[in-house]
Amino acid sequence: MASFYQLAQLCEALSQTSSRLQRVQSVADFLSALAPEEIEAAARFLAGQTRAQGDERRLKLSARAVWKVAAEMVGEIEPDQTLFADAADFGEAVEALMELRGAASGPALAVADVERAFEEIAAIEGRAARENKLAALRGLMARASPLEAKLLARIVVGEMRHKVGEGLIVEAIAKMIARPLAQVQRAFMLTGDVGRLAREARSGELRFDAVAIVSAWPRPLR
């Protein structure tokens, strides 16, 4: 089962890698080691997405909400603002705050655990939705190491800062299955979701015959 910590380590390495080719290779190597049932969420998280494209449900958690949960967990009602001043971004500030707490409690997080937690948070509605969402986020953060909390914060607010977008992930998927990039790019245009593309590619379900048909379809007459 894929470790969320390993994903966090990958993102750290990617942020320090200047070569695009090396970033593509690193992502391809990571994804190729995952099972089809876990690669979808991993690819989506790498792209900084919490939900599949087309899924209208959202977490509806702001950076303020994430910071509030982290501060409460370390007993800092008014955290030292130098944490922000010394951090390069919000994720680093959350990491520094969580380091005040020390080791994480509970079993190590898997990518699937984060996926389930995001699903739960997105599904919460009703009068006490905000409180219940914060409680669910708190349960997830309680099991996160400072590095994992950093990645969670970045995914939730959509600020990844690791120089990896959907285009690079599509390149990595093409490398993973040894297919021409143009072919995989056309498949991505059909699926519209990088997570689904990764899963179908990993499981061998990606329909390149359909891609070829669509790409060769005659243009409409004018």
N, C-alpha and C. Protein backbone atom coordinates (compact mmCIF):
# COMPACT_ATOMS: atom_id res chain seq x y z
N MET A 1 0.85 -1.20 0.00
CA MET A 1 0.00 0.00 0.00
C MET A 1 0.88 1.24 0.00
N ALA A 2 0.53 2.21 -0.83
CA ALA A 2 1.34 3.41 -0.96
C ALA A 2 1.29 4.26 0.30
N SER A 3 2.45 4.66 0.77
CA SER A 3 2.57 5.51 1.94
C SER A 3 2.41 6.98 1.54
N PHE A 4 1.63 7.71 2.28
CA PHE A 4 1.48 9.14 2.02
C PHE A 4 2.80 9.86 2.31
N TYR A 5 3.56 9.32 3.24
CA TYR A 5 4.86 9.89 3.56
C TYR A 5 5.79 9.79 2.36
N GLN A 6 5.74 8.66 1.65
CA GLN A 6 6.56 8.51 0.45
C GLN A 6 6.17 9.53 -0.62
N LEU A 7 4.88 9.79 -0.73
CA LEU A 7 4.41 10.80 -1.67
C LEU A 7 4.92 12.18 -1.25
N ALA A 8 4.91 12.45 0.05
CA ALA A 8 5.41 13.73 0.55
C ALA A 8 6.91 13.86 0.27
N GLN A 9 7.65 12.76 0.45
CA GLN A 9 9.09 12.77 0.15
C GLN A 9 9.33 13.04 -1.34
N LEU A 10 8.52 12.42 -2.18
CA LEU A 10 8.64 12.65 -3.62
C LEU A 10 8.43 14.12 -3.95
N CYS A 11 7.42 14.72 -3.38
CA CYS A 11 7.13 16.13 -3.65
C CYS A 11 8.28 17.03 -3.20
N GLU A 12 8.90 16.67 -2.07
CA GLU A 12 10.06 17.43 -1.61
C GLU A 12 11.20 17.33 -2.62
N ALA A 13 11.46 16.11 -3.09
CA ALA A 13 12.53 15.91 -4.05
C ALA A 13 12.24 16.64 -5.36
N LEU A 14 11.00 16.61 -5.79
CA LEU A 14 10.61 17.28 -7.03
C LEU A 14 10.82 18.78 -6.94
N SER A 15 10.53 19.35 -5.79
CA SER A 15 10.67 20.80 -5.62
C SER A 15 12.12 21.24 -5.68
N GLN A 16 13.04 20.30 -5.47
CA GLN A 16 14.47 20.63 -5.48
C GLN A 16 15.16 20.17 -6.75
N THR A 17 14.38 19.66 -7.72
CA THR A 17 14.93 19.16 -8.97
C THR A 17 14.71 20.17 -10.08
N SER A 18 15.79 20.61 -10.69
CA SER A 18 15.69 21.63 -11.74
C SER A 18 15.40 21.03 -13.11
N SER A 19 15.75 19.77 -13.31
CA SER A 19 15.59 19.13 -14.62
C SER A 19 14.17 18.60 -14.79
N ARG A 20 13.50 19.06 -15.85
CA ARG A 20 12.16 18.56 -16.13
C ARG A 20 12.20 17.07 -16.45
N LEU A 21 13.20 16.65 -17.21
CA LEU A 21 13.31 15.22 -17.55
C LEU A 21 13.44 14.37 -16.30
N GLN A 22 14.19 14.86 -15.33
CA GLN A 22 14.35 14.12 -14.08
C GLN A 22 13.05 14.09 -13.29
N ARG A 23 12.31 15.19 -13.32
CA ARG A 23 11.02 15.20 -12.61
C ARG A 23 10.06 14.21 -13.26
N VAL A 24 10.04 14.17 -14.59
CA VAL A 24 9.18 13.21 -15.29
C VAL A 24 9.56 11.78 -14.91
N GLN A 25 10.85 11.50 -14.90
CA GLN A 25 11.32 10.15 -14.56
C GLN A 25 10.96 9.79 -13.13
N SER A 26 11.13 10.73 -12.21
CA SER A 26 10.83 10.46 -10.79
C SER A 26 9.34 10.16 -10.60
N VAL A 27 8.49 10.93 -11.26
CA VAL A 27 7.05 10.69 -11.14
C VAL A 27 6.68 9.36 -11.78
N ALA A 28 7.26 9.05 -12.93
CA ALA A 28 6.99 7.78 -13.61
C ALA A 28 7.41 6.60 -12.73
N ASP A 29 8.58 6.70 -12.11
CA ASP A 29 9.06 5.62 -11.24
C ASP A 29 8.13 5.43 -10.04
N PHE A 30 7.67 6.54 -9.47
CA PHE A 30 6.78 6.45 -8.31
C PHE A 30 5.44 5.82 -8.68
N LEU A 31 4.86 6.30 -9.77
CA LEU A 31 3.54 5.80 -10.18
C LEU A 31 3.60 4.34 -10.60
N SER A 32 4.69 3.94 -11.23
CA SER A 32 4.79 2.56 -11.72
C SER A 32 4.84 1.56 -10.59
N ALA A 33 5.20 2.00 -9.40
CA ALA A 33 5.27 1.09 -8.25
C ALA A 33 3.93 0.94 -7.53
N LEU A 34 2.92 1.70 -7.97
CA LEU A 34 1.62 1.68 -7.30
C LEU A 34 0.67 0.70 -7.97
N ALA A 35 -0.26 0.21 -7.17
CA ALA A 35 -1.32 -0.65 -7.70
C ALA A 35 -2.37 0.21 -8.39
N PRO A 36 -3.12 -0.37 -9.36
CA PRO A 36 -4.13 0.41 -10.07
C PRO A 36 -5.13 1.10 -9.14
N GLU A 37 -5.47 0.45 -8.02
CA GLU A 37 -6.50 1.02 -7.14
C GLU A 37 -6.00 2.19 -6.31
N GLU A 38 -4.69 2.45 -6.25
CA GLU A 38 -4.18 3.56 -5.47
C GLU A 38 -3.50 4.64 -6.32
N ILE A 39 -3.25 4.31 -7.58
CA ILE A 39 -2.53 5.26 -8.43
C ILE A 39 -3.40 6.47 -8.79
N GLU A 40 -4.71 6.28 -8.84
CA GLU A 40 -5.60 7.37 -9.22
C GLU A 40 -5.50 8.53 -8.24
N ALA A 41 -5.62 8.22 -6.95
CA ALA A 41 -5.54 9.27 -5.94
C ALA A 41 -4.15 9.88 -5.88
N ALA A 42 -3.12 9.06 -6.02
CA ALA A 42 -1.75 9.56 -5.96
C ALA A 42 -1.48 10.56 -7.08
N ALA A 43 -1.91 10.23 -8.29
CA ALA A 43 -1.71 11.13 -9.43
C ALA A 43 -2.48 12.43 -9.22
N ARG A 44 -3.66 12.31 -8.69
CA ARG A 44 -4.48 13.51 -8.46
C ARG A 44 -3.85 14.40 -7.39
N PHE A 45 -3.35 13.79 -6.32
CA PHE A 45 -2.70 14.57 -5.27
C PHE A 45 -1.44 15.25 -5.79
N LEU A 46 -0.70 14.56 -6.65
CA LEU A 46 0.50 15.17 -7.24
C LEU A 46 0.14 16.43 -8.01
N ALA A 47 -1.02 16.43 -8.61
CA ALA A 47 -1.48 17.59 -9.37
C ALA A 47 -2.12 18.65 -8.48
N GLY A 48 -2.19 18.38 -7.17
CA GLY A 48 -2.78 19.33 -6.24
C GLY A 48 -4.29 19.35 -6.28
N GLN A 49 -4.90 18.22 -6.60
CA GLN A 49 -6.35 18.12 -6.71
C GLN A 49 -6.90 17.18 -5.64
N THR A 50 -7.97 17.58 -5.01
CA THR A 50 -8.59 16.73 -3.99
C THR A 50 -9.72 15.89 -4.54
N ARG A 51 -10.32 16.33 -5.65
CA ARG A 51 -11.46 15.63 -6.22
C ARG A 51 -11.23 15.41 -7.71
N ALA A 52 -11.94 14.45 -8.26
CA ALA A 52 -11.85 14.18 -9.69
C ALA A 52 -12.48 15.33 -10.47
N GLN A 53 -11.97 15.56 -11.67
CA GLN A 53 -12.57 16.55 -12.55
C GLN A 53 -14.02 16.14 -12.84
N GLY A 54 -14.93 17.08 -12.72
CA GLY A 54 -16.34 16.78 -12.93
C GLY A 54 -17.09 16.51 -11.65
N ASP A 55 -16.36 16.22 -10.57
CA ASP A 55 -17.00 16.02 -9.27
C ASP A 55 -17.21 17.39 -8.65
N GLU A 56 -18.45 17.80 -8.52
CA GLU A 56 -18.74 19.15 -8.05
C GLU A 56 -18.59 19.31 -6.54
N ARG A 57 -18.46 18.21 -5.83
CA ARG A 57 -18.28 18.31 -4.38
C ARG A 57 -16.87 18.81 -4.08
N ARG A 58 -16.75 19.71 -3.15
CA ARG A 58 -15.46 20.27 -2.78
C ARG A 58 -15.27 20.17 -1.26
N LEU A 59 -14.01 20.26 -0.84
CA LEU A 59 -13.75 20.19 0.60
C LEU A 59 -14.29 21.40 1.32
N LYS A 60 -14.21 22.56 0.67
CA LYS A 60 -14.64 23.84 1.26
C LYS A 60 -13.90 24.10 2.57
N LEU A 61 -12.59 23.91 2.51
CA LEU A 61 -11.72 24.20 3.65
C LEU A 61 -10.70 25.25 3.20
N SER A 62 -10.63 26.34 3.93
CA SER A 62 -9.71 27.41 3.60
C SER A 62 -8.37 27.21 4.30
N ALA A 63 -7.39 28.03 3.91
CA ALA A 63 -6.10 28.01 4.60
C ALA A 63 -6.29 28.36 6.07
N ARG A 64 -7.20 29.25 6.36
CA ARG A 64 -7.48 29.62 7.75
C ARG A 64 -7.96 28.41 8.55
N ALA A 65 -8.80 27.57 7.92
CA ALA A 65 -9.31 26.38 8.60
C ALA A 65 -8.19 25.38 8.90
N VAL A 66 -7.31 25.18 7.92
CA VAL A 66 -6.18 24.27 8.13
C VAL A 66 -5.29 24.78 9.24
N TRP A 67 -5.01 26.07 9.23
CA TRP A 67 -4.15 26.66 10.26
C TRP A 67 -4.79 26.56 11.65
N LYS A 68 -6.09 26.76 11.70
CA LYS A 68 -6.81 26.67 12.97
C LYS A 68 -6.68 25.27 13.56
N VAL A 69 -6.87 24.25 12.73
CA VAL A 69 -6.78 22.87 13.19
C VAL A 69 -5.36 22.56 13.67
N ALA A 70 -4.37 22.94 12.90
CA ALA A 70 -2.98 22.67 13.27
C ALA A 70 -2.62 23.39 14.57
N ALA A 71 -3.06 24.64 14.71
CA ALA A 71 -2.74 25.41 15.92
C ALA A 71 -3.37 24.78 17.16
N GLU A 72 -4.61 24.34 17.04
CA GLU A 72 -5.29 23.71 18.17
C GLU A 72 -4.60 22.41 18.57
N MET A 73 -4.07 21.67 17.58
CA MET A 73 -3.44 20.40 17.86
C MET A 73 -2.13 20.56 18.64
N VAL A 74 -1.45 21.68 18.46
CA VAL A 74 -0.20 21.89 19.19
C VAL A 74 -0.38 22.82 20.39
N GLY A 75 -1.64 23.20 20.66
CA GLY A 75 -1.93 24.02 21.82
C GLY A 75 -1.51 25.47 21.66
N GLU A 76 -1.43 25.93 20.41
CA GLU A 76 -1.04 27.32 20.15
C GLU A 76 -2.26 28.07 19.61
N ILE A 77 -2.95 28.74 20.49
CA ILE A 77 -4.13 29.49 20.07
C ILE A 77 -3.73 30.65 19.17
N GLU A 78 -2.62 31.31 19.51
CA GLU A 78 -2.09 32.40 18.68
C GLU A 78 -0.64 32.06 18.34
N PRO A 79 -0.42 31.24 17.31
CA PRO A 79 0.94 30.81 16.96
C PRO A 79 1.86 31.98 16.63
N ASP A 80 3.13 31.79 16.90
CA ASP A 80 4.14 32.79 16.60
C ASP A 80 4.10 33.14 15.11
N GLN A 81 3.89 34.40 14.80
CA GLN A 81 3.77 34.81 13.41
C GLN A 81 5.09 34.73 12.64
N THR A 82 6.20 34.54 13.37
CA THR A 82 7.47 34.36 12.66
C THR A 82 7.48 33.05 11.88
N LEU A 83 6.58 32.13 12.22
CA LEU A 83 6.47 30.90 11.44
C LEU A 83 6.14 31.21 9.99
N PHE A 84 5.29 32.22 9.80
CA PHE A 84 4.95 32.64 8.44
C PHE A 84 6.11 33.39 7.80
N ALA A 85 6.75 34.24 8.59
CA ALA A 85 7.83 35.05 8.05
C ALA A 85 9.00 34.20 7.58
N ASP A 86 9.25 33.10 8.28
CA ASP A 86 10.39 32.25 7.95
C ASP A 86 10.06 31.18 6.92
N ALA A 87 8.78 31.01 6.58
CA ALA A 87 8.36 29.96 5.65
C ALA A 87 8.26 30.49 4.23
N ALA A 88 8.54 29.61 3.28
CA ALA A 88 8.45 30.00 1.86
C ALA A 88 7.01 30.02 1.39
N ASP A 89 6.14 29.26 2.04
CA ASP A 89 4.74 29.19 1.63
C ASP A 89 3.91 28.66 2.80
N PHE A 90 2.62 28.56 2.58
CA PHE A 90 1.70 28.14 3.64
C PHE A 90 2.02 26.72 4.12
N GLY A 91 2.35 25.82 3.19
CA GLY A 91 2.67 24.45 3.57
C GLY A 91 3.84 24.38 4.53
N GLU A 92 4.87 25.16 4.26
CA GLU A 92 6.04 25.17 5.15
C GLU A 92 5.68 25.73 6.52
N ALA A 93 4.79 26.70 6.56
CA ALA A 93 4.37 27.27 7.85
C ALA A 93 3.62 26.22 8.67
N VAL A 94 2.76 25.44 8.02
CA VAL A 94 2.03 24.38 8.70
C VAL A 94 3.01 23.31 9.20
N GLU A 95 3.99 22.99 8.38
CA GLU A 95 5.00 22.00 8.79
C GLU A 95 5.74 22.47 10.04
N ALA A 96 6.16 23.73 10.05
CA ALA A 96 6.87 24.28 11.21
C ALA A 96 5.99 24.27 12.45
N LEU A 97 4.72 24.58 12.28
CA LEU A 97 3.79 24.55 13.41
C LEU A 97 3.62 23.13 13.94
N MET A 98 3.46 22.17 13.05
CA MET A 98 3.25 20.79 13.46
C MET A 98 4.51 20.18 14.09
N GLU A 99 5.68 20.72 13.77
CA GLU A 99 6.91 20.22 14.39
C GLU A 99 6.93 20.52 15.89
N LEU A 100 6.15 21.51 16.31
CA LEU A 100 6.05 21.82 17.74
C LEU A 100 5.34 20.70 18.50
N ARG A 101 4.52 19.92 17.76
CA ARG A 101 3.78 18.83 18.38
C ARG A 101 4.63 17.59 18.57
N GLY A 102 5.61 17.40 17.69
CA GLY A 102 6.44 16.20 17.76
C GLY A 102 5.90 15.10 16.88
N ALA A 103 6.12 13.87 17.27
CA ALA A 103 5.75 12.71 16.45
C ALA A 103 4.24 12.61 16.29
N ALA A 104 3.83 12.07 15.13
CA ALA A 104 2.40 11.87 14.87
C ALA A 104 1.87 10.73 15.70
N SER A 105 0.57 10.77 15.99
CA SER A 105 -0.07 9.68 16.72
C SER A 105 -0.86 8.83 15.75
N GLY A 106 -1.04 7.56 16.07
CA GLY A 106 -1.81 6.67 15.21
C GLY A 106 -0.95 6.03 14.15
N PRO A 107 -1.51 5.09 13.39
CA PRO A 107 -0.76 4.40 12.33
C PRO A 107 -0.39 5.33 11.20
N ALA A 108 0.63 4.93 10.45
CA ALA A 108 1.09 5.76 9.33
C ALA A 108 -0.01 5.92 8.30
N LEU A 109 -0.03 7.09 7.68
CA LEU A 109 -1.04 7.38 6.66
C LEU A 109 -0.70 6.69 5.35
N ALA A 110 -1.72 6.16 4.71
CA ALA A 110 -1.60 5.66 3.34
C ALA A 110 -2.30 6.66 2.42
N VAL A 111 -1.95 6.62 1.15
CA VAL A 111 -2.62 7.48 0.17
C VAL A 111 -4.12 7.24 0.21
N ALA A 112 -4.51 5.98 0.36
CA ALA A 112 -5.94 5.63 0.41
C ALA A 112 -6.64 6.25 1.62
N ASP A 113 -5.92 6.40 2.74
CA ASP A 113 -6.50 7.02 3.93
C ASP A 113 -6.85 8.48 3.65
N VAL A 114 -5.95 9.17 2.98
CA VAL A 114 -6.19 10.58 2.66
C VAL A 114 -7.34 10.70 1.66
N GLU A 115 -7.37 9.80 0.70
CA GLU A 115 -8.46 9.81 -0.27
C GLU A 115 -9.81 9.64 0.43
N ARG A 116 -9.89 8.68 1.36
CA ARG A 116 -11.15 8.45 2.08
C ARG A 116 -11.53 9.66 2.94
N ALA A 117 -10.53 10.27 3.57
CA ALA A 117 -10.80 11.43 4.42
C ALA A 117 -11.32 12.60 3.58
N PHE A 118 -10.72 12.83 2.43
CA PHE A 118 -11.19 13.90 1.55
C PHE A 118 -12.61 13.61 1.06
N GLU A 119 -12.89 12.34 0.77
CA GLU A 119 -14.23 11.95 0.34
C GLU A 119 -15.24 12.26 1.46
N GLU A 120 -14.87 11.92 2.68
CA GLU A 120 -15.75 12.17 3.82
C GLU A 120 -15.98 13.66 4.02
N ILE A 121 -14.92 14.44 3.96
CA ILE A 121 -15.03 15.89 4.17
C ILE A 121 -15.89 16.53 3.08
N ALA A 122 -15.68 16.12 1.83
CA ALA A 122 -16.46 16.69 0.72
C ALA A 122 -17.94 16.35 0.83
N ALA A 123 -18.25 15.21 1.45
CA ALA A 123 -19.64 14.76 1.54
C ALA A 123 -20.40 15.42 2.69
N ILE A 124 -19.71 16.07 3.60
CA ILE A 124 -20.35 16.66 4.77
C ILE A 124 -21.16 17.89 4.38
N GLU A 125 -22.40 17.90 4.75
CA GLU A 125 -23.28 19.03 4.49
C GLU A 125 -24.14 19.29 5.72
N GLY A 126 -24.96 20.31 5.64
CA GLY A 126 -25.89 20.55 6.74
C GLY A 126 -25.48 21.71 7.63
N ARG A 127 -26.26 21.88 8.69
CA ARG A 127 -26.11 23.04 9.57
C ARG A 127 -24.75 23.08 10.26
N ALA A 128 -24.25 21.94 10.67
CA ALA A 128 -22.97 21.90 11.38
C ALA A 128 -21.83 21.46 10.46
N ALA A 129 -21.97 21.77 9.18
CA ALA A 129 -20.99 21.28 8.21
C ALA A 129 -19.57 21.76 8.52
N ARG A 130 -19.40 23.03 8.85
CA ARG A 130 -18.06 23.55 9.09
C ARG A 130 -17.40 22.83 10.25
N GLU A 131 -18.12 22.68 11.35
CA GLU A 131 -17.55 22.03 12.53
C GLU A 131 -17.20 20.57 12.23
N ASN A 132 -18.08 19.91 11.50
CA ASN A 132 -17.84 18.50 11.19
C ASN A 132 -16.68 18.32 10.21
N LYS A 133 -16.55 19.25 9.27
CA LYS A 133 -15.42 19.21 8.35
C LYS A 133 -14.11 19.40 9.10
N LEU A 134 -14.11 20.37 10.03
CA LEU A 134 -12.90 20.62 10.81
C LEU A 134 -12.55 19.40 11.67
N ALA A 135 -13.56 18.74 12.21
CA ALA A 135 -13.32 17.55 13.03
C ALA A 135 -12.70 16.43 12.19
N ALA A 136 -13.21 16.26 10.96
CA ALA A 136 -12.66 15.23 10.08
C ALA A 136 -11.23 15.57 9.67
N LEU A 137 -10.97 16.85 9.40
CA LEU A 137 -9.61 17.27 9.06
C LEU A 137 -8.68 17.06 10.25
N ARG A 138 -9.17 17.34 11.45
CA ARG A 138 -8.37 17.16 12.66
C ARG A 138 -7.99 15.68 12.83
N GLY A 139 -8.93 14.79 12.54
CA GLY A 139 -8.64 13.37 12.64
C GLY A 139 -7.56 12.93 11.66
N LEU A 140 -7.56 13.53 10.48
CA LEU A 140 -6.53 13.22 9.48
C LEU A 140 -5.19 13.80 9.88
N MET A 141 -5.18 15.06 10.31
CA MET A 141 -3.94 15.72 10.69
C MET A 141 -3.30 15.07 11.92
N ALA A 142 -4.12 14.48 12.78
CA ALA A 142 -3.59 13.84 13.99
C ALA A 142 -2.67 12.68 13.66
N ARG A 143 -2.87 12.09 12.49
CA ARG A 143 -2.05 10.95 12.08
C ARG A 143 -0.90 11.36 11.17
N ALA A 144 -0.80 12.64 10.87
CA ALA A 144 0.19 13.11 9.91
C ALA A 144 1.48 13.55 10.59
N SER A 145 2.60 13.22 9.98
CA SER A 145 3.88 13.76 10.40
C SER A 145 3.95 15.20 9.93
N PRO A 146 4.88 16.01 10.43
CA PRO A 146 5.00 17.39 9.94
C PRO A 146 5.14 17.47 8.42
N LEU A 147 5.93 16.57 7.82
CA LEU A 147 6.10 16.59 6.37
C LEU A 147 4.80 16.25 5.65
N GLU A 148 4.05 15.27 6.19
CA GLU A 148 2.76 14.91 5.59
C GLU A 148 1.77 16.04 5.76
N ALA A 149 1.80 16.71 6.91
CA ALA A 149 0.90 17.84 7.15
C ALA A 149 1.18 18.96 6.15
N LYS A 150 2.46 19.14 5.83
CA LYS A 150 2.85 20.14 4.83
C LYS A 150 2.21 19.84 3.48
N LEU A 151 2.26 18.56 3.07
CA LEU A 151 1.66 18.18 1.79
C LEU A 151 0.14 18.27 1.85
N LEU A 152 -0.46 17.86 2.95
CA LEU A 152 -1.91 17.97 3.10
C LEU A 152 -2.36 19.43 2.94
N ALA A 153 -1.64 20.32 3.61
CA ALA A 153 -1.99 21.75 3.54
C ALA A 153 -1.88 22.25 2.11
N ARG A 154 -0.83 21.85 1.42
CA ARG A 154 -0.64 22.32 0.05
C ARG A 154 -1.72 21.79 -0.88
N ILE A 155 -2.12 20.55 -0.70
CA ILE A 155 -3.16 19.98 -1.54
C ILE A 155 -4.49 20.69 -1.29
N VAL A 156 -4.81 20.89 -0.01
CA VAL A 156 -6.09 21.50 0.35
C VAL A 156 -6.21 22.91 -0.21
N VAL A 157 -5.13 23.69 -0.13
CA VAL A 157 -5.22 25.09 -0.62
C VAL A 157 -4.82 25.21 -2.09
N GLY A 158 -4.34 24.11 -2.68
CA GLY A 158 -4.01 24.12 -4.11
C GLY A 158 -2.74 24.85 -4.45
N GLU A 159 -1.75 24.84 -3.54
CA GLU A 159 -0.46 25.49 -3.78
C GLU A 159 0.64 24.46 -3.57
N MET A 160 0.99 23.73 -4.64
CA MET A 160 1.90 22.60 -4.49
C MET A 160 3.38 23.01 -4.46
N ARG A 161 3.78 23.93 -5.31
CA ARG A 161 5.15 24.46 -5.32
C ARG A 161 6.22 23.39 -5.58
N HIS A 162 5.88 22.38 -6.37
CA HIS A 162 6.88 21.35 -6.67
C HIS A 162 7.14 21.23 -8.18
N LYS A 163 6.65 22.23 -8.92
CA LYS A 163 6.93 22.31 -10.36
C LYS A 163 6.39 21.11 -11.14
N VAL A 164 5.26 20.58 -10.70
CA VAL A 164 4.64 19.45 -11.39
C VAL A 164 3.17 19.75 -11.62
N GLY A 165 2.80 19.89 -12.90
CA GLY A 165 1.40 20.09 -13.25
C GLY A 165 0.86 18.89 -14.00
N GLU A 166 -0.35 19.02 -14.50
CA GLU A 166 -0.97 17.91 -15.21
C GLU A 166 -0.15 17.49 -16.42
N GLY A 167 0.41 18.47 -17.14
CA GLY A 167 1.17 18.14 -18.34
C GLY A 167 2.36 17.24 -18.04
N LEU A 168 3.07 17.54 -16.96
CA LEU A 168 4.23 16.72 -16.60
C LEU A 168 3.79 15.33 -16.17
N ILE A 169 2.67 15.25 -15.45
CA ILE A 169 2.18 13.94 -15.01
C ILE A 169 1.77 13.10 -16.21
N VAL A 170 1.17 13.72 -17.21
CA VAL A 170 0.81 13.00 -18.43
C VAL A 170 2.08 12.46 -19.11
N GLU A 171 3.13 13.27 -19.13
CA GLU A 171 4.41 12.80 -19.68
C GLU A 171 4.93 11.59 -18.90
N ALA A 172 4.81 11.65 -17.58
CA ALA A 172 5.28 10.55 -16.73
C ALA A 172 4.47 9.29 -16.98
N ILE A 173 3.17 9.44 -17.20
CA ILE A 173 2.32 8.28 -17.48
C ILE A 173 2.71 7.65 -18.81
N ALA A 174 3.00 8.49 -19.81
CA ALA A 174 3.44 7.97 -21.10
C ALA A 174 4.73 7.18 -20.95
N LYS A 175 5.65 7.70 -20.14
CA LYS A 175 6.92 6.99 -19.91
C LYS A 175 6.68 5.70 -19.15
N MET A 176 5.76 5.73 -18.20
CA MET A 176 5.46 4.56 -17.38
C MET A 176 4.97 3.39 -18.23
N ILE A 177 4.15 3.67 -19.24
CA ILE A 177 3.60 2.59 -20.06
C ILE A 177 4.27 2.49 -21.43
N ALA A 178 5.35 3.27 -21.61
CA ALA A 178 6.13 3.22 -22.85
C ALA A 178 5.25 3.44 -24.08
N ARG A 179 4.47 4.50 -24.04
CA ARG A 179 3.62 4.89 -25.17
C ARG A 179 4.02 6.28 -25.66
N PRO A 180 3.81 6.57 -26.94
CA PRO A 180 4.11 7.91 -27.44
C PRO A 180 3.34 8.97 -26.66
N LEU A 181 4.03 10.07 -26.34
CA LEU A 181 3.40 11.13 -25.55
C LEU A 181 2.16 11.67 -26.22
N ALA A 182 2.19 11.88 -27.53
CA ALA A 182 1.04 12.44 -28.24
C ALA A 182 -0.19 11.56 -28.06
N GLN A 183 0.01 10.25 -28.03
CA GLN A 183 -1.10 9.32 -27.87
C GLN A 183 -1.72 9.47 -26.47
N VAL A 184 -0.87 9.56 -25.48
CA VAL A 184 -1.36 9.67 -24.10
C VAL A 184 -1.99 11.05 -23.88
N GLN A 185 -1.46 12.06 -24.51
CA GLN A 185 -2.06 13.39 -24.40
C GLN A 185 -3.47 13.41 -24.98
N ARG A 186 -3.67 12.71 -26.08
CA ARG A 186 -5.02 12.64 -26.66
C ARG A 186 -5.95 11.85 -25.74
N ALA A 187 -5.42 10.81 -25.13
CA ALA A 187 -6.24 10.04 -24.18
C ALA A 187 -6.64 10.92 -23.00
N PHE A 188 -5.73 11.78 -22.57
CA PHE A 188 -6.03 12.69 -21.46
C PHE A 188 -7.13 13.68 -21.84
N MET A 189 -7.12 14.11 -23.09
CA MET A 189 -8.18 15.01 -23.55
C MET A 189 -9.54 14.35 -23.48
N LEU A 190 -9.57 13.03 -23.65
CA LEU A 190 -10.84 12.30 -23.58
C LEU A 190 -11.28 12.06 -22.15
N THR A 191 -10.34 11.68 -21.28
CA THR A 191 -10.70 11.37 -19.89
C THR A 191 -10.94 12.65 -19.10
N GLY A 192 -10.10 13.67 -19.34
CA GLY A 192 -10.25 14.93 -18.63
C GLY A 192 -9.81 14.92 -17.19
N ASP A 193 -9.29 13.79 -16.72
CA ASP A 193 -8.92 13.67 -15.32
C ASP A 193 -7.60 12.90 -15.23
N VAL A 194 -6.58 13.52 -14.63
CA VAL A 194 -5.26 12.91 -14.60
C VAL A 194 -5.24 11.66 -13.74
N GLY A 195 -6.08 11.61 -12.71
CA GLY A 195 -6.14 10.42 -11.87
C GLY A 195 -6.73 9.23 -12.61
N ARG A 196 -7.81 9.46 -13.30
CA ARG A 196 -8.43 8.39 -14.09
C ARG A 196 -7.48 7.93 -15.20
N LEU A 197 -6.80 8.87 -15.84
CA LEU A 197 -5.84 8.52 -16.88
C LEU A 197 -4.77 7.60 -16.32
N ALA A 198 -4.23 7.92 -15.15
CA ALA A 198 -3.18 7.10 -14.53
C ALA A 198 -3.70 5.70 -14.21
N ARG A 199 -4.92 5.63 -13.66
CA ARG A 199 -5.48 4.32 -13.31
C ARG A 199 -5.69 3.45 -14.54
N GLU A 200 -6.28 4.04 -15.57
CA GLU A 200 -6.55 3.26 -16.78
C GLU A 200 -5.25 2.85 -17.47
N ALA A 201 -4.26 3.72 -17.42
CA ALA A 201 -2.96 3.38 -18.02
C ALA A 201 -2.29 2.26 -17.24
N ARG A 202 -2.34 2.35 -15.92
CA ARG A 202 -1.68 1.35 -15.07
C ARG A 202 -2.35 -0.01 -15.17
N SER A 203 -3.67 -0.03 -15.34
CA SER A 203 -4.42 -1.29 -15.39
C SER A 203 -4.54 -1.84 -16.81
N GLY A 204 -4.06 -1.10 -17.79
CA GLY A 204 -4.14 -1.54 -19.17
C GLY A 204 -5.50 -1.31 -19.80
N GLU A 205 -6.32 -0.42 -19.21
CA GLU A 205 -7.67 -0.18 -19.70
C GLU A 205 -7.75 1.03 -20.64
N LEU A 206 -6.64 1.72 -20.83
CA LEU A 206 -6.67 2.91 -21.66
C LEU A 206 -6.91 2.51 -23.11
N ARG A 207 -7.93 3.11 -23.74
CA ARG A 207 -8.35 2.72 -25.08
C ARG A 207 -7.66 3.56 -26.13
N PHE A 208 -6.51 3.09 -26.59
CA PHE A 208 -5.79 3.84 -27.60
C PHE A 208 -6.43 3.70 -28.97
N ASP A 209 -7.22 2.65 -29.18
CA ASP A 209 -7.93 2.54 -30.46
C ASP A 209 -8.96 3.66 -30.57
N ALA A 210 -9.65 3.95 -29.46
CA ALA A 210 -10.62 5.04 -29.45
C ALA A 210 -9.92 6.38 -29.64
N VAL A 211 -8.74 6.51 -29.03
CA VAL A 211 -7.97 7.74 -29.18
C VAL A 211 -7.60 7.96 -30.63
N ALA A 212 -7.18 6.89 -31.28
CA ALA A 212 -6.77 6.99 -32.69
C ALA A 212 -7.95 7.38 -33.56
N ILE A 213 -9.13 6.82 -33.26
CA ILE A 213 -10.32 7.12 -34.04
C ILE A 213 -10.69 8.60 -33.89
N VAL A 214 -10.66 9.09 -32.64
CA VAL A 214 -11.02 10.48 -32.40
C VAL A 214 -10.03 11.42 -33.07
N SER A 215 -8.72 11.09 -32.95
CA SER A 215 -7.71 11.98 -33.52
C SER A 215 -7.77 12.02 -35.04
N ALA A 216 -8.28 10.93 -35.64
CA ALA A 216 -8.35 10.88 -37.10
C ALA A 216 -9.71 11.31 -37.64
N TRP A 217 -10.62 11.70 -36.74
CA TRP A 217 -11.97 12.07 -37.15
C TRP A 217 -11.93 13.30 -38.05
N PRO A 218 -12.65 13.25 -39.18
CA PRO A 218 -12.59 14.39 -40.11
C PRO A 218 -13.16 15.66 -39.50
N ARG A 219 -12.60 16.76 -39.87
CA ARG A 219 -13.10 18.03 -39.39
C ARG A 219 -14.47 18.30 -40.02
N PRO A 220 -15.35 18.98 -39.27
CA PRO A 220 -16.69 19.27 -39.83
C PRO A 220 -16.59 20.21 -41.03
N LEU A 221 -17.47 19.99 -41.97
CA LEU A 221 -17.50 20.84 -43.15
C LEU A 221 -18.00 22.23 -42.78
N ARG A 222 -17.46 23.22 -43.46
CA ARG A 222 -17.89 24.60 -43.20
C ARG A 222 -18.75 25.11 -44.33
